[in-house]
């Protein structure tokens, strides 16, 4: 038996801090651990504006969290700590109620390189009231502060109960704090974890009001919460656990799917309407959580069959338990028939490679290295995305792709069928939350050849054309942030400079290539408004195909949506996504 989860967990616990190189100019107050901790965090609380009286208790709370959870904490208000050698020793940096302009250009550059290279950022409350003139920081924090009413009680609603910051909370949480409103809604670019019920307090005004969120930042991770104004917050066990989860996520000590998420419909989020039990055993339903007992049976969503879709669900194992998600089977009251006619995506703490977590059971093992790097151990929540397109099934664990399978068994088909979750047997206890689906209108089969692009009003640039692509509204060029060549690197607009990270080549396959082997890519094969655009290894899939139109727009062929500058931004660093074509200047481009 291969105990992949156990070995992965042990490897994560064995991670130690990078070399302890601290800049002589930086005044850092260190905490000396009694033993080598798993990782190291820097708390930064410099203020150039309003100063919160909770900074001292907040710093101590993070120290206490570190002592109890195997990480060490340094604290500073000296911005000289933001240099390359000093930052290298930390897995995450916490901006604790910072305000105003706190870093100079050199320090900003060092911090941007640190995060994009894999470092973590945690912003607490007034961290969004910081560095208004630095576009990268606005992107990193997610949204800048706009205003707030008086401190009062409000209802916080949990949108994501799998993230380590929020998995301990119920569906709602009533507490007092200073409730920030923001200059823009971060939802298109982040995974919202919590939002505010504006009917529960006075002085909101955003409508859709995210208050805690996370997102990948190139090779790094970002987490922000608007909570944490008051001193009392830092003695609140629920808030301290939220803060701990955000730090552990940013430091890569825990994992979550923090990709932006829109357009999903709940199949289960507390109500079992539409679900039926097949076979022995059952699932209990409490507090928005389904928990298995007995078996071998299956709870399946019998209301509708699905053909092409993204299915997301959160799951948690207790110990060495067993379960799975079954897709693509016909209506049946026999769970074994579902297993024989559909495909099971396995959830199992220990088994052979083709029958453990991430495997298409009995058909294809997951990429074990990628799986282990993304996996939270038993007792913690994980998130699956099962992306079904034709006979192709891709499996994402906490946002990381771990399996890519194409069905060739004539007795089975993924092109139409039902969805179920397995209750395996009496020793196996597995819980599920927030089962949701997004039906897709475009199918990208694999490994069949990609279809030819739809006719366009005017031909694309001739094959082999290499040039910059300039936004009509901004006058700035399509640019890879930091000249990164990593998969997932951010695409933005920036002053045109003729560098290789702004040189795009059109190919006969309707790709837009940069660096020769990276393609402009719609993240996660998404088709929804707001889906981010990045670069990725060229792979021939339709989410890497683009059409130049006579009106100056560029269409993502798979999604049939336009390449769009987020928020009609014109500043350096404004990000790109796809959006319904509307003819606006932020969707118009020229070759230069």
Protein backbone atom coordinates (compact mmCIF):
# COMPACT_ATOMS: atom_id res chain seq x y z
CA UNK A 1 0.00 0.00 0.00
CA UNK A 2 1.31 3.46 -0.88
CA UNK A 3 0.69 6.05 1.79
CA UNK A 4 0.95 9.13 -0.42
CA UNK A 5 -0.96 11.51 1.82
CA UNK A 6 1.04 10.59 4.87
CA UNK A 7 4.37 11.05 3.14
CA UNK A 8 3.23 14.35 1.62
CA UNK A 9 2.16 15.64 5.01
CA UNK A 10 5.47 14.63 6.52
CA UNK A 11 7.34 16.41 3.74
CA UNK A 12 5.36 19.57 4.36
CA UNK A 13 6.11 19.40 8.07
CA UNK A 14 9.80 19.03 7.25
CA UNK A 15 9.95 22.33 5.34
CA UNK A 16 12.28 24.77 7.09
CA UNK A 17 12.84 28.48 6.68
CA UNK A 18 15.21 29.68 3.98
CA UNK A 19 18.64 31.07 4.95
CA UNK A 20 18.45 33.62 7.76
CA UNK A 21 19.92 36.58 5.87
CA UNK A 22 18.67 39.79 7.46
CA UNK A 23 19.61 43.21 6.13
CA UNK A 24 21.70 45.19 8.59
CA UNK A 25 19.71 48.32 7.88
CA UNK A 26 16.37 46.75 8.83
CA UNK A 27 15.12 46.87 12.39
CA UNK A 28 13.37 43.54 12.90
CA UNK A 29 12.19 42.26 16.26
CA UNK A 30 12.62 38.49 16.04
CA UNK A 31 11.05 35.66 17.97
CA UNK A 32 13.53 32.89 18.70
CA UNK A 33 11.87 29.45 18.52
CA UNK A 34 12.73 26.60 20.82
CA UNK A 35 13.07 24.35 17.77
CA UNK A 36 13.23 24.66 14.00
CA UNK A 37 9.74 25.72 12.88
CA UNK A 38 8.02 24.78 9.64
CA UNK A 39 8.09 28.32 8.25
CA UNK A 40 8.72 31.95 9.09
CA UNK A 41 6.52 35.05 8.84
CA UNK A 42 7.27 38.78 8.84
CA UNK A 43 4.66 41.12 10.36
CA UNK A 44 4.89 44.63 8.90
CA UNK A 45 2.85 47.41 10.55
CA UNK A 46 4.30 50.72 9.39
CA UNK A 47 1.78 53.56 9.14
CA UNK A 48 1.96 56.80 7.17
CA UNK A 49 -1.67 57.68 7.89
CA UNK A 50 -4.16 56.66 10.55
CA UNK A 51 -2.64 54.38 13.18
CA UNK A 52 -4.77 51.60 14.64
CA UNK A 53 -4.50 50.99 18.37
CA UNK A 54 -4.91 47.26 17.67
CA UNK A 55 -1.50 46.88 16.01
CA UNK A 56 0.32 45.81 19.19
CA UNK A 57 -2.29 43.24 20.22
CA UNK A 58 -2.53 42.05 16.61
CA UNK A 59 1.22 41.49 16.43
CA UNK A 60 1.14 39.56 19.69
CA UNK A 61 -1.81 37.48 18.47
CA UNK A 62 0.17 36.44 15.38
CA UNK A 63 3.14 35.57 17.59
CA UNK A 64 0.85 33.43 19.74
CA UNK A 65 -0.55 31.71 16.65
CA UNK A 66 2.97 30.97 15.49
CA UNK A 67 4.01 29.50 18.83
CA UNK A 68 0.99 27.20 18.80
CA UNK A 69 1.19 26.25 15.12
CA UNK A 70 4.85 25.72 14.31
CA UNK A 71 5.88 28.97 12.66
CA UNK A 72 8.05 31.81 13.90
CA UNK A 73 7.29 35.50 13.66
CA UNK A 74 9.46 38.58 13.18
CA UNK A 75 7.87 42.03 13.47
CA UNK A 76 9.02 45.34 12.02
CA UNK A 77 7.93 48.85 11.12
CA UNK A 78 11.15 49.48 9.24
CA UNK A 79 10.60 49.40 5.48
CA UNK A 80 14.30 48.68 4.97
CA UNK A 81 13.36 45.07 5.74
CA UNK A 82 12.00 44.95 2.19
CA UNK A 83 15.11 43.88 0.35
CA UNK A 84 15.74 40.70 -1.59
CA UNK A 85 18.07 38.95 0.85
CA UNK A 86 15.97 39.67 3.92
CA UNK A 87 12.62 38.72 2.37
CA UNK A 88 14.06 35.39 1.20
CA UNK A 89 13.86 33.95 4.72
CA UNK A 90 10.08 34.42 5.00
CA UNK A 91 7.31 32.29 3.55
CA UNK A 92 4.75 35.06 4.08
CA UNK A 93 4.62 38.77 4.92
CA UNK A 94 1.64 40.14 6.87
CA UNK A 95 0.65 43.78 6.26
CA UNK A 96 -1.04 44.40 9.63
CA UNK A 97 -3.13 47.60 9.54
CA UNK A 98 -0.56 49.46 7.46
CA UNK A 99 -1.68 52.82 6.06
CA UNK A 100 -0.43 55.21 3.41
CA UNK A 101 2.74 55.11 1.34
CA UNK A 102 5.09 52.86 3.32
CA UNK A 103 7.60 51.53 0.72
CA UNK A 104 9.86 53.38 -1.70
CA UNK A 105 10.36 52.28 -5.31
CA UNK A 106 13.31 49.98 -4.54
CA UNK A 107 11.47 48.32 -1.68
CA UNK A 108 8.37 47.91 -3.82
CA UNK A 109 10.41 46.21 -6.52
CA UNK A 110 11.96 43.79 -4.02
CA UNK A 111 8.55 42.89 -2.59
CA UNK A 112 6.96 42.42 -6.02
CA UNK A 113 9.78 40.07 -7.02
CA UNK A 114 9.39 38.20 -3.72
CA UNK A 115 5.65 37.59 -4.17
CA UNK A 116 5.75 36.79 -7.88
CA UNK A 117 8.58 34.37 -7.17
CA UNK A 118 6.55 32.38 -4.66
CA UNK A 119 6.25 34.44 -1.47
CA UNK A 120 3.02 34.95 0.41
CA UNK A 121 1.08 38.14 1.20
CA UNK A 122 -1.50 38.54 3.97
CA UNK A 123 -3.36 41.84 4.23
CA UNK A 124 -5.33 42.68 7.37
CA UNK A 125 -7.96 45.44 7.47
CA UNK A 126 -6.16 48.73 6.71
CA UNK A 127 -3.70 46.93 4.43
CA UNK A 128 -6.20 48.00 1.74
CA UNK A 129 -5.65 51.64 2.84
CA UNK A 130 -2.04 51.42 1.68
CA UNK A 131 0.11 52.20 -1.40
CA UNK A 132 -2.62 53.77 -3.55
CA UNK A 133 -0.17 54.76 -6.27
CA UNK A 134 1.36 51.31 -6.77
CA UNK A 135 -0.66 49.30 -9.34
CA UNK A 136 0.93 45.98 -8.36
CA UNK A 137 -0.15 46.44 -4.76
CA UNK A 138 -3.71 47.21 -5.80
CA UNK A 139 -3.73 43.96 -7.76
CA UNK A 140 -2.16 42.09 -4.84
CA UNK A 141 -4.52 43.31 -2.12
CA UNK A 142 -7.48 42.94 -4.49
CA UNK A 143 -9.26 46.26 -3.82
CA UNK A 144 -8.47 49.55 -2.15
CA UNK A 145 -10.37 50.99 0.82
CA UNK A 146 -13.08 53.55 0.08
CA UNK A 147 -15.03 54.31 3.28
CA UNK A 148 -16.53 52.86 6.44
CA UNK A 149 -19.42 53.56 8.82
CA UNK A 150 -19.20 53.47 12.62
CA UNK A 151 -18.15 50.24 14.31
CA UNK A 152 -21.23 48.02 14.63
CA UNK A 153 -22.45 44.46 14.50
CA UNK A 154 -22.99 42.85 11.08
CA UNK A 155 -23.56 39.43 9.58
CA UNK A 156 -20.65 37.87 7.69
CA UNK A 157 -21.66 35.17 5.19
CA UNK A 158 -19.23 32.40 4.32
CA UNK A 159 -19.09 31.72 0.58
CA UNK A 160 -16.23 29.22 0.85
CA UNK A 161 -16.19 26.82 3.81
CA UNK A 162 -13.26 24.74 2.55
CA UNK A 163 -10.53 27.36 2.78
CA UNK A 164 -8.41 26.92 5.94
CA UNK A 165 -9.38 30.46 6.97
CA UNK A 166 -13.14 29.84 6.93
CA UNK A 167 -13.73 26.08 7.22
CA UNK A 168 -14.30 26.37 10.99
CA UNK A 169 -17.21 28.79 10.59
CA UNK A 170 -20.90 28.21 9.99
CA UNK A 171 -22.74 29.65 7.04
CA UNK A 172 -23.13 33.00 8.86
CA UNK A 173 -21.16 34.77 11.57
CA UNK A 174 -22.37 37.77 13.56
CA UNK A 175 -19.66 40.07 14.95
CA UNK A 176 -18.70 43.71 15.53
CA UNK A 177 -15.99 45.44 13.52
CA UNK A 178 -15.34 48.46 11.32
CA UNK A 179 -16.83 47.40 8.01
CA UNK A 180 -14.85 48.60 5.01
CA UNK A 181 -16.35 49.39 1.65
CA UNK A 182 -13.96 49.28 -1.31
CA UNK A 183 -13.35 51.40 -4.39
CA UNK A 184 -14.03 48.42 -6.68
CA UNK A 185 -15.48 44.96 -6.35
CA UNK A 186 -12.60 42.44 -6.31
CA UNK A 187 -14.80 39.46 -7.24
CA UNK A 188 -13.73 39.12 -10.91
CA UNK A 189 -10.10 38.63 -9.90
CA UNK A 190 -10.23 36.76 -6.57
CA UNK A 191 -11.95 33.88 -4.82
CA UNK A 192 -14.35 35.52 -2.38
CA UNK A 193 -14.38 33.66 0.96
CA UNK A 194 -16.75 35.92 2.91
CA UNK A 195 -19.19 38.68 2.07
CA UNK A 196 -21.21 41.11 4.17
CA UNK A 197 -24.98 41.05 4.47
CA UNK A 198 -25.53 44.79 4.00
CA UNK A 199 -29.07 44.52 5.34
CA UNK A 200 -27.60 43.58 8.74
CA UNK A 201 -25.87 46.95 9.35
CA UNK A 202 -25.98 50.59 8.33
CA UNK A 203 -23.62 52.29 5.92
CA UNK A 204 -22.75 49.63 3.33
CA UNK A 205 -23.54 50.59 -0.25
CA UNK A 206 -21.58 48.09 -2.33
CA UNK A 207 -24.47 45.66 -2.80
CA UNK A 208 -22.31 42.62 -3.53
CA UNK A 209 -19.83 43.20 -0.69
CA UNK A 210 -16.81 40.85 -0.48
CA UNK A 211 -14.89 41.26 2.79
CA UNK A 212 -12.37 38.35 2.78
CA UNK A 213 -10.74 36.80 -0.27
CA UNK A 214 -7.67 35.08 -1.72
CA UNK A 215 -5.99 34.62 -5.09
CA UNK A 216 -2.84 33.21 -6.69
CA UNK A 217 -0.25 35.85 -7.58
CA UNK A 218 2.03 34.34 -10.22
CA UNK A 219 4.04 31.80 -8.18
CA UNK A 220 2.94 33.37 -4.89
CA UNK A 221 -0.32 33.62 -2.96
CA UNK A 222 -2.37 36.51 -1.58
CA UNK A 223 -4.97 36.62 1.21
CA UNK A 224 -6.87 39.65 2.48
CA UNK A 225 -9.51 40.23 5.14
CA UNK A 226 -11.26 43.52 5.90
CA UNK A 227 -11.82 42.36 9.47
CA UNK A 228 -9.43 43.29 12.29
CA UNK A 229 -9.95 46.95 13.24
CA UNK A 230 -10.68 46.47 16.92
CA UNK A 231 -8.44 45.23 19.71
CA UNK A 232 -11.17 42.76 20.65
CA UNK A 233 -10.84 41.07 17.25
CA UNK A 234 -7.48 39.62 18.20
CA UNK A 235 -8.83 37.80 21.25
CA UNK A 236 -11.77 36.36 19.26
CA UNK A 237 -10.96 32.69 18.64
CA UNK A 238 -12.93 32.62 15.39
CA UNK A 239 -11.04 35.63 14.02
CA UNK A 240 -7.70 34.23 15.18
CA UNK A 241 -8.45 30.96 13.36
CA UNK A 242 -9.38 32.93 10.23
CA UNK A 243 -6.10 34.80 10.46
CA UNK A 244 -4.17 31.57 11.01
CA UNK A 245 -5.76 29.97 7.96
CA UNK A 246 -4.90 32.98 5.81
CA UNK A 247 -1.28 32.90 6.95
CA UNK A 248 -0.96 29.15 6.39
CA UNK A 249 -2.48 29.47 2.91
CA UNK A 250 -0.17 32.35 1.94
CA UNK A 251 2.87 30.46 3.29
CA UNK A 252 1.86 27.32 1.33
CA UNK A 253 1.49 25.32 4.53
CA UNK A 254 -2.15 24.68 3.56
CA UNK A 255 -3.83 24.64 0.17
CA UNK A 256 -7.06 25.96 -1.34
CA UNK A 257 -8.60 26.73 -4.71
CA UNK A 258 -8.34 30.53 -4.80
CA UNK A 259 -9.02 30.98 -8.50
CA UNK A 260 -11.85 33.43 -9.26
CA UNK A 261 -15.19 31.65 -9.41
CA UNK A 262 -18.36 32.87 -11.14
CA UNK A 263 -21.33 31.31 -12.88
CA UNK A 264 -21.78 28.21 -10.70
CA UNK A 265 -25.17 26.82 -9.61
CA UNK A 266 -25.51 25.05 -6.27
CA UNK A 267 -26.51 21.38 -6.43
CA UNK A 268 -26.00 21.04 -2.67
CA UNK A 269 -25.35 23.80 -0.18
CA UNK A 270 -27.50 22.60 2.71
CA UNK A 271 -30.55 21.33 0.86
CA UNK A 272 -30.74 17.74 -0.46
CA UNK A 273 -33.65 18.51 -2.79
CA UNK A 274 -33.06 16.61 -6.02
CA UNK A 275 -30.73 14.01 -4.43
CA UNK A 276 -31.47 10.29 -3.98
CA UNK A 277 -29.70 7.53 -2.06
CA UNK A 278 -28.88 4.38 -4.03
CA UNK A 279 -27.77 1.24 -2.22
CA UNK A 280 -27.02 0.78 1.49
CA UNK A 281 -25.78 3.37 3.97
CA UNK A 282 -26.60 7.05 3.93
CA UNK A 283 -25.40 10.64 4.27
CA UNK A 284 -26.39 12.81 7.21
CA UNK A 285 -27.11 16.46 6.42
CA UNK A 286 -26.19 19.08 9.00
CA UNK A 287 -24.84 22.67 8.86
CA UNK A 288 -24.42 22.57 5.10
CA UNK A 289 -22.36 19.38 5.30
CA UNK A 290 -23.07 15.87 4.03
CA UNK A 291 -21.32 13.12 6.04
CA UNK A 292 -21.20 9.49 4.92
CA UNK A 293 -22.05 6.44 6.98
CA UNK A 294 -22.31 2.78 6.01
CA UNK A 295 -22.41 1.58 2.44
CA UNK A 296 -21.45 0.70 -0.23
CA UNK A 297 -23.92 3.21 -1.56
CA UNK A 298 -24.19 6.43 -3.50
CA UNK A 299 -26.05 9.73 -3.14
CA UNK A 300 -26.79 11.02 -6.63
CA UNK A 301 -28.31 14.14 -8.12
CA UNK A 302 -31.24 12.71 -10.05
CA UNK A 303 -32.84 15.94 -11.27
CA UNK A 304 -30.72 16.41 -14.36
CA UNK A 305 -28.06 14.82 -16.54
CA UNK A 306 -25.03 16.88 -17.46
CA UNK A 307 -22.97 16.77 -20.64
CA UNK A 308 -20.22 19.40 -20.55
CA UNK A 309 -19.50 21.10 -17.27
CA UNK A 310 -17.20 22.18 -14.47
CA UNK A 311 -18.20 20.44 -11.23
CA UNK A 312 -16.71 21.75 -7.98
CA UNK A 313 -17.11 20.29 -4.52
CA UNK A 314 -15.36 20.39 -1.17
CA UNK A 315 -14.46 17.18 0.68
CA UNK A 316 -12.78 16.04 3.89
CA UNK A 317 -11.54 12.62 4.94
CA UNK A 318 -11.51 11.34 8.51
CA UNK A 319 -8.36 9.21 8.82
CA UNK A 320 -7.76 6.48 6.25
CA UNK A 321 -11.22 6.65 4.68
CA UNK A 322 -12.52 6.01 1.19
CA UNK A 323 -15.00 7.71 -1.12
CA UNK A 324 -15.25 9.08 -4.61
CA UNK A 325 -17.17 11.27 -7.04
CA UNK A 326 -18.92 9.32 -9.79
CA UNK A 327 -19.76 11.01 -13.09
CA UNK A 328 -21.22 10.10 -16.47
CA UNK A 329 -23.55 7.24 -15.46
CA UNK A 330 -27.20 6.60 -16.49
CA UNK A 331 -30.09 6.73 -14.04
CA UNK A 332 -29.87 3.76 -11.67
CA UNK A 333 -30.82 2.56 -8.20
CA UNK A 334 -27.73 0.34 -8.09
CA UNK A 335 -24.46 2.06 -7.13
CA UNK A 336 -22.44 -0.76 -8.69
CA UNK A 337 -24.09 -0.09 -12.04
CA UNK A 338 -23.03 3.53 -11.75
CA UNK A 339 -19.43 2.42 -11.14
CA UNK A 340 -19.56 0.05 -14.12
CA UNK A 341 -21.01 2.60 -16.56
CA UNK A 342 -19.48 5.86 -15.30
CA UNK A 343 -16.11 6.94 -13.96
CA UNK A 344 -15.13 7.43 -10.32
CA UNK A 345 -12.69 10.15 -9.32
CA UNK A 346 -11.19 8.60 -6.23
CA UNK A 347 -10.83 10.02 -2.72
CA UNK A 348 -8.77 7.65 -0.58
CA UNK A 349 -5.99 8.29 1.89
CA UNK A 350 -4.04 5.12 1.07
CA UNK A 351 -4.16 2.74 -1.88
CA UNK A 352 -2.33 1.86 -5.08
CA UNK A 353 -1.66 4.77 -7.42
CA UNK A 354 -4.63 4.10 -9.74
CA UNK A 355 -7.02 3.86 -6.76
CA UNK A 356 -6.02 6.72 -4.50
CA UNK A 357 -6.88 10.42 -4.34
CA UNK A 358 -7.01 12.03 -7.77
CA UNK A 359 -7.10 8.79 -9.73
CA UNK A 360 -9.74 7.90 -12.29
CA UNK A 361 -10.44 4.69 -10.41
CA UNK A 362 -8.89 1.70 -12.13
CA UNK A 363 -8.05 3.68 -15.27
CA UNK A 364 -5.47 6.40 -14.67
CA UNK A 365 -3.41 7.48 -11.67
CA UNK A 366 -3.04 11.13 -10.80
CA UNK A 367 0.24 12.96 -11.24
CA UNK A 368 1.38 11.97 -7.75
CA UNK A 369 3.97 14.73 -7.36
CA UNK A 370 1.47 17.42 -8.37
CA UNK A 371 -1.21 15.81 -6.22
CA UNK A 372 0.98 15.65 -3.12
CA UNK A 373 2.05 19.28 -3.57
CA UNK A 374 -1.61 20.43 -3.61
CA UNK A 375 -3.14 18.07 -1.05
CA UNK A 376 -4.34 18.82 2.47
CA UNK A 377 -4.12 15.77 4.76
CA UNK A 378 -7.04 13.90 6.40
CA UNK A 379 -8.99 16.11 8.76
CA UNK A 380 -8.65 19.17 6.49
CA UNK A 381 -10.85 20.26 3.60
CA UNK A 382 -9.91 19.96 -0.07
CA UNK A 383 -11.63 21.18 -3.24
CA UNK A 384 -12.06 19.23 -6.46
CA UNK A 385 -12.86 20.65 -9.86
CA UNK A 386 -13.90 17.97 -12.36
CA UNK A 387 -13.85 19.51 -15.82
CA UNK A 388 -15.79 17.35 -18.29
CA UNK A 389 -15.57 18.24 -21.99
CA UNK A 390 -16.72 15.51 -24.34
CA UNK A 391 -14.91 12.31 -23.32
CA UNK A 392 -12.17 14.29 -21.59
CA UNK A 393 -12.10 14.53 -17.79
CA UNK A 394 -9.58 16.82 -16.08
CA UNK A 395 -9.16 16.80 -12.31
CA UNK A 396 -8.03 19.87 -10.35
CA UNK A 397 -7.17 19.59 -6.65
CA UNK A 398 -7.20 22.88 -4.73
CA UNK A 399 -6.75 24.67 -8.05
CA UNK A 400 -3.88 22.48 -9.34
CA UNK A 401 -4.36 20.14 -12.29
CA UNK A 402 -3.51 16.58 -11.20
CA UNK A 403 -5.12 14.33 -13.83
CA UNK A 404 -6.09 14.51 -17.50
CA UNK A 405 -8.03 11.48 -18.73
CA UNK A 406 -9.80 10.66 -21.97
CA UNK A 407 -12.39 7.88 -21.94
CA UNK A 408 -12.03 5.25 -24.69
CA UNK A 409 -14.18 2.54 -23.09
CA UNK A 410 -17.25 1.97 -25.33
CA UNK A 411 -19.23 0.76 -22.31
CA UNK A 412 -18.88 4.17 -20.68
CA UNK A 413 -19.36 7.75 -21.83
CA UNK A 414 -18.78 11.12 -20.21
CA UNK A 415 -20.84 13.00 -22.80
CA UNK A 416 -24.12 12.67 -20.86
CA UNK A 417 -24.90 11.37 -17.39
CA UNK A 418 -25.55 11.92 -13.71
CA UNK A 419 -23.34 12.93 -10.77
CA UNK A 420 -23.01 11.08 -7.46
CA UNK A 421 -20.92 10.87 -4.29
CA UNK A 422 -20.01 7.55 -2.71
CA UNK A 423 -20.51 6.30 0.85
CA UNK A 424 -18.02 3.45 0.80
CA UNK A 425 -18.55 1.51 4.01
CA UNK A 426 -18.95 1.66 7.78
CA UNK A 427 -15.28 2.48 8.63
CA UNK A 428 -15.18 5.27 6.04
CA UNK A 429 -16.28 8.77 7.08
CA UNK A 430 -16.11 11.41 4.36
CA UNK A 431 -17.81 14.82 4.37
CA UNK A 432 -18.86 17.01 1.45
CA UNK A 433 -19.78 20.68 1.18
CA UNK A 434 -20.80 23.19 -1.48
CA UNK A 435 -21.38 20.97 -4.51
CA UNK A 436 -21.82 23.33 -7.46
CA UNK A 437 -21.78 23.14 -11.24
CA UNK A 438 -21.25 25.37 -14.24
CA UNK A 439 -22.56 24.00 -17.52
CA UNK A 440 -20.36 24.78 -20.50
CA UNK A 441 -21.57 25.77 -23.93
CA UNK A 442 -18.29 24.95 -25.68
CA UNK A 443 -16.82 21.46 -25.66
CA UNK A 444 -13.11 20.92 -26.28
CA UNK A 445 -12.64 17.19 -26.94
CA UNK A 446 -9.25 15.55 -26.49
CA UNK A 447 -7.20 14.15 -28.09
CA UNK A 448 -9.25 14.85 -31.19
CA UNK A 449 -7.88 17.67 -33.36
CA UNK A 450 -9.14 21.09 -32.37
CA UNK A 451 -11.85 22.41 -34.71
CA UNK A 452 -11.14 25.19 -37.12
CA UNK A 453 -12.00 28.66 -35.84
CA UNK A 454 -15.26 30.25 -36.81
CA UNK A 455 -15.17 32.65 -39.76
CA UNK A 456 -14.28 36.16 -38.74
CA UNK A 457 -15.13 39.48 -40.36
CA UNK A 458 -11.51 39.98 -41.34
CA UNK A 459 -8.54 37.65 -41.49
CA UNK A 460 -6.18 37.30 -38.57
CA UNK A 461 -2.66 38.61 -39.05
CA UNK A 462 -0.66 36.41 -41.36
CA UNK A 463 1.05 33.40 -39.86
CA UNK A 464 4.37 34.29 -38.30
CA UNK A 465 3.56 37.97 -37.72
CA UNK A 466 5.40 39.17 -34.62
CA UNK A 467 4.62 42.55 -33.12
CA UNK A 468 3.43 44.38 -30.06
CA UNK A 469 -0.32 44.60 -29.40
CA UNK A 470 -1.38 48.03 -28.14
CA UNK A 471 -4.62 48.93 -26.38
CA UNK A 472 -6.53 51.67 -28.18
CA UNK A 473 -7.91 53.24 -24.98
CA UNK A 474 -4.74 53.08 -22.91
CA UNK A 475 -2.00 53.36 -25.53
CA UNK A 476 -0.16 50.67 -23.56
CA UNK A 477 1.00 47.26 -24.77
CA UNK A 478 0.01 43.69 -23.94
CA UNK A 479 2.73 42.71 -21.46
CA UNK A 480 3.81 39.79 -19.24
CA UNK A 481 4.23 41.05 -15.68
CA UNK A 482 7.85 41.09 -14.58
CA UNK A 483 8.87 39.47 -17.89
CA UNK A 484 8.01 36.15 -16.21
CA UNK A 485 8.05 32.99 -18.32
CA UNK A 486 6.24 30.87 -15.71
CA UNK A 487 2.95 29.15 -16.45
CA UNK A 488 0.15 31.34 -15.10
CA UNK A 489 2.16 34.57 -15.36
CA UNK A 490 -0.12 37.60 -15.35
CA UNK A 491 -0.97 39.39 -18.58
CA UNK A 492 -1.35 43.14 -18.15
CA UNK A 493 -0.92 46.42 -20.03
CA UNK A 494 2.29 48.41 -19.70
CA UNK A 495 4.15 51.21 -21.44
CA UNK A 496 5.27 49.87 -24.81
CA UNK A 497 9.01 49.14 -24.66
CA UNK A 498 9.76 46.63 -27.43
CA UNK A 499 10.96 43.94 -24.99
CA UNK A 500 10.39 40.22 -25.62
CA UNK A 501 7.60 40.07 -23.02
CA UNK A 502 5.61 42.38 -25.32
CA UNK A 503 6.32 40.59 -28.63
CA UNK A 504 3.43 38.38 -29.79
CA UNK A 505 3.49 35.98 -32.72
CA UNK A 506 0.34 34.86 -34.58
CA UNK A 507 0.37 31.23 -35.69
CA UNK A 508 -1.59 29.20 -38.20
CA UNK A 509 -3.35 27.55 -35.24
CA UNK A 510 -4.75 30.96 -34.18
CA UNK A 511 -2.43 31.14 -31.19
CA UNK A 512 -0.79 34.25 -29.82
CA UNK A 513 2.69 33.13 -28.75
CA UNK A 514 5.24 34.91 -26.59
CA UNK A 515 8.82 33.74 -25.87
CA UNK A 516 8.28 31.19 -28.66
CA UNK A 517 6.62 28.48 -26.54
CA UNK A 518 4.05 30.23 -24.31
CA UNK A 519 0.52 31.02 -25.45
CA UNK A 520 -2.04 33.59 -24.41
CA UNK A 521 -4.39 31.36 -22.40
CA UNK A 522 -7.87 31.70 -20.84
CA UNK A 523 -7.32 30.31 -17.34
CA UNK A 524 -8.90 26.95 -16.54
CA UNK A 525 -10.66 26.76 -19.92
CA UNK A 526 -13.10 29.28 -18.45
CA UNK A 527 -15.90 30.83 -20.46
CA UNK A 528 -17.44 33.16 -17.88
CA UNK A 529 -17.10 36.93 -17.80
CA UNK A 530 -14.11 37.86 -15.68
CA UNK A 531 -12.07 34.71 -16.36
CA UNK A 532 -8.43 35.71 -16.07
CA UNK A 533 -5.98 35.63 -18.97
CA UNK A 534 -2.41 34.45 -18.44
CA UNK A 535 0.32 32.63 -20.37
CA UNK A 536 0.76 28.85 -20.45
CA UNK A 537 2.70 26.21 -22.35
CA UNK A 538 1.15 26.02 -25.82
CA UNK A 539 -1.04 22.89 -25.95
CA UNK A 540 -3.40 23.32 -28.92
CA UNK A 541 -6.54 23.64 -26.82
CA UNK A 542 -9.29 26.04 -27.81
CA UNK A 543 -8.75 28.24 -24.76
CA UNK A 544 -5.48 29.28 -26.44
CA UNK A 545 -7.10 30.27 -29.74
CA UNK A 546 -7.83 33.90 -30.62
CA UNK A 547 -9.50 35.70 -33.53
CA UNK A 548 -8.65 39.24 -34.68
CA UNK A 549 -11.80 41.12 -35.72
CA UNK A 550 -12.26 44.04 -38.12
CA UNK A 551 -13.45 46.34 -35.31
CA UNK A 552 -10.12 45.94 -33.47
CA UNK A 553 -11.37 43.45 -30.88
CA UNK A 554 -9.69 40.10 -30.20
CA UNK A 555 -12.05 37.20 -29.47
CA UNK A 556 -11.29 34.16 -27.33
CA UNK A 557 -12.65 31.49 -29.68
CA UNK A 558 -13.68 28.90 -27.05
CA UNK A 559 -15.54 31.41 -24.88
CA UNK A 560 -16.68 33.72 -27.70
CA UNK A 561 -15.76 36.67 -25.48
CA UNK A 562 -13.39 39.59 -26.00
CA UNK A 563 -9.94 40.29 -24.60
CA UNK A 564 -10.75 43.07 -22.12
CA UNK A 565 -8.84 45.35 -19.72
CA UNK A 566 -10.29 44.89 -16.22
CA UNK A 567 -12.39 47.85 -15.13
CA UNK A 568 -11.50 49.78 -18.33
CA UNK A 569 -8.15 50.47 -16.67
CA UNK A 570 -5.53 52.47 -18.51
CA UNK A 571 -2.73 52.50 -15.90
CA UNK A 572 0.41 50.38 -16.00
CA UNK A 573 -0.35 47.02 -14.41
CA UNK A 574 -4.05 46.89 -15.34
CA UNK A 575 -4.91 43.21 -15.79
CA UNK A 576 -6.59 41.34 -18.65
CA UNK A 577 -9.56 39.01 -18.65
CA UNK A 578 -12.33 37.98 -21.03
CA UNK A 579 -15.71 39.71 -21.16
CA UNK A 580 -18.80 39.85 -23.34
CA UNK A 581 -17.90 41.89 -26.43
CA UNK A 582 -19.41 45.39 -26.18
CA UNK A 583 -17.32 47.56 -28.51
CA UNK A 584 -15.70 49.60 -25.74
CA UNK A 585 -12.22 51.06 -26.08
CA UNK A 586 -10.84 48.67 -23.45
CA UNK A 587 -11.57 45.84 -25.91
CA UNK A 588 -9.87 47.44 -28.94
CA UNK A 589 -6.30 46.60 -29.99
CA UNK A 590 -3.84 47.44 -32.75
CA UNK A 591 -0.66 45.77 -33.99
CA UNK A 592 2.38 48.03 -33.68
